[in-house]
Amino acid sequence: MILLFQAQPDATSSLISTIIMFVAIFLIFYFLIIRPQQKRAKEHQKLIESLKKGDKVITSSGIHGKVVGLDDKTVLIEVDDGVKIKFEKAAIAAVTREGQG
């Protein structure tokens, strides 16, 4: 004979399993997406704070140059003899100091 009525799972156990799944998904997102992004942001902030005159830099748009002036939010970069461009500090992607290349 076929069972017409099956035992329904307890509502609290269903709620607990749902909450556990949401927590698991959040932890996966945190460790795979959020945490590495925060780490990269901190490293970039340290890079920007350590800028000084004479540093060779590469901007996020790929322009290579040498820092000749610093301001609170901007950097003056010399890209060729007598050619200087002002960039936001956030646009600096990499710093190559003397002896690194």
Protein backbone atom coordinates (compact mmCIF):
# COMPACT_ATOMS: atom_id res chain seq x y z
CA MET A 1 0.00 0.00 0.00
CA ILE A 2 1.26 3.50 -0.82
CA LEU A 3 1.73 5.91 2.03
CA LEU A 4 -0.47 8.92 1.44
CA PHE A 5 0.73 10.85 4.45
CA GLN A 6 4.41 11.28 5.04
CA ALA A 7 5.86 12.72 8.18
CA GLN A 8 6.53 16.44 7.72
CA PRO A 9 9.88 17.73 8.95
CA ASP A 10 9.77 19.86 12.05
CA ALA A 11 9.50 23.58 11.23
CA THR A 12 12.32 24.54 13.59
CA SER A 13 14.73 22.06 12.05
CA SER A 14 13.89 23.42 8.61
CA LEU A 15 14.54 26.97 9.81
CA ILE A 16 17.83 25.98 11.41
CA SER A 17 19.05 24.26 8.24
CA THR A 18 18.11 27.33 6.19
CA ILE A 19 20.02 29.62 8.56
CA ILE A 20 23.04 27.30 8.43
CA MET A 21 22.99 27.42 4.62
CA PHE A 22 22.88 31.25 4.61
CA VAL A 23 25.76 31.42 7.08
CA ALA A 24 27.77 28.96 4.97
CA ILE A 25 27.16 30.99 1.81
CA PHE A 26 28.14 34.22 3.59
CA LEU A 27 31.38 32.63 4.87
CA ILE A 28 32.24 31.42 1.38
CA PHE A 29 31.68 34.92 -0.04
CA TYR A 30 33.68 36.48 2.79
CA PHE A 31 36.75 34.27 2.39
CA LEU A 32 36.73 34.15 -1.42
CA ILE A 33 35.68 37.70 -2.32
CA ILE A 34 35.45 40.23 0.50
CA ARG A 35 38.59 39.44 2.51
CA PRO A 36 41.03 39.34 -0.46
CA GLN A 37 39.58 42.62 -1.77
CA GLN A 38 40.09 44.30 1.62
CA LYS A 39 43.66 43.01 1.72
CA ARG A 40 44.41 44.43 -1.74
CA ALA A 41 42.86 47.77 -0.74
CA LYS A 42 45.08 47.97 2.36
CA GLU A 43 48.18 47.15 0.33
CA HIS A 44 47.31 49.83 -2.24
CA GLN A 45 46.74 52.39 0.52
CA LYS A 46 50.18 51.59 2.00
CA LEU A 47 51.70 51.95 -1.47
CA ILE A 48 50.12 55.38 -1.92
CA GLU A 49 51.18 56.53 1.55
CA SER A 50 54.79 55.49 0.91
CA LEU A 51 55.16 57.56 -2.28
CA LYS A 52 58.04 60.00 -2.31
CA LYS A 53 59.81 62.20 -4.83
CA GLY A 54 62.03 60.25 -7.18
CA ASP A 55 59.93 57.08 -7.17
CA LYS A 56 59.30 55.57 -10.56
CA VAL A 57 55.61 54.75 -10.90
CA ILE A 58 53.15 53.14 -13.26
CA THR A 59 49.61 54.51 -13.35
CA SER A 60 46.48 52.44 -13.74
CA SER A 61 46.30 53.65 -17.36
CA GLY A 62 49.82 52.32 -18.02
CA ILE A 63 51.77 55.58 -18.05
CA HIS A 64 55.33 55.27 -16.71
CA GLY A 65 57.01 58.21 -15.06
CA LYS A 66 58.89 59.64 -12.11
CA VAL A 67 57.27 61.42 -9.15
CA VAL A 68 58.42 65.05 -9.03
CA GLY A 69 55.77 66.48 -6.74
CA LEU A 70 53.30 65.33 -4.10
CA ASP A 71 50.12 66.93 -2.78
CA ASP A 72 47.41 65.70 -0.42
CA LYS A 73 45.40 63.98 -3.16
CA THR A 74 47.49 64.37 -6.29
CA VAL A 75 50.89 63.39 -7.66
CA LEU A 76 52.90 65.27 -10.29
CA ILE A 77 54.60 62.78 -12.59
CA GLU A 78 57.29 63.58 -15.13
CA VAL A 79 56.81 61.32 -18.14
CA ASP A 80 59.53 62.88 -20.31
CA ASP A 81 61.99 65.75 -20.06
CA GLY A 82 59.87 68.79 -19.23
CA VAL A 83 56.55 66.94 -19.61
CA LYS A 84 54.67 66.68 -16.32
CA ILE A 85 51.19 65.29 -15.71
CA LYS A 86 49.12 65.58 -12.55
CA PHE A 87 47.32 62.40 -11.40
CA GLU A 88 45.14 61.45 -8.48
CA LYS A 89 47.09 59.32 -6.01
CA ALA A 90 44.52 56.55 -6.42
CA ALA A 91 45.60 56.22 -10.08
CA ILE A 92 49.04 54.93 -9.08
CA ALA A 93 49.08 51.19 -9.72
CA ALA A 94 52.69 50.27 -8.99
CA VAL A 95 55.93 51.76 -7.67
CA THR A 96 59.34 50.66 -8.91
CA ARG A 97 62.04 52.21 -6.75
CA GLU A 98 65.70 52.47 -7.67
CA GLY A 99 67.37 49.05 -7.67
CA GLN A 100 64.12 47.18 -8.43
CA GLY A 101 64.28 47.46 -12.16
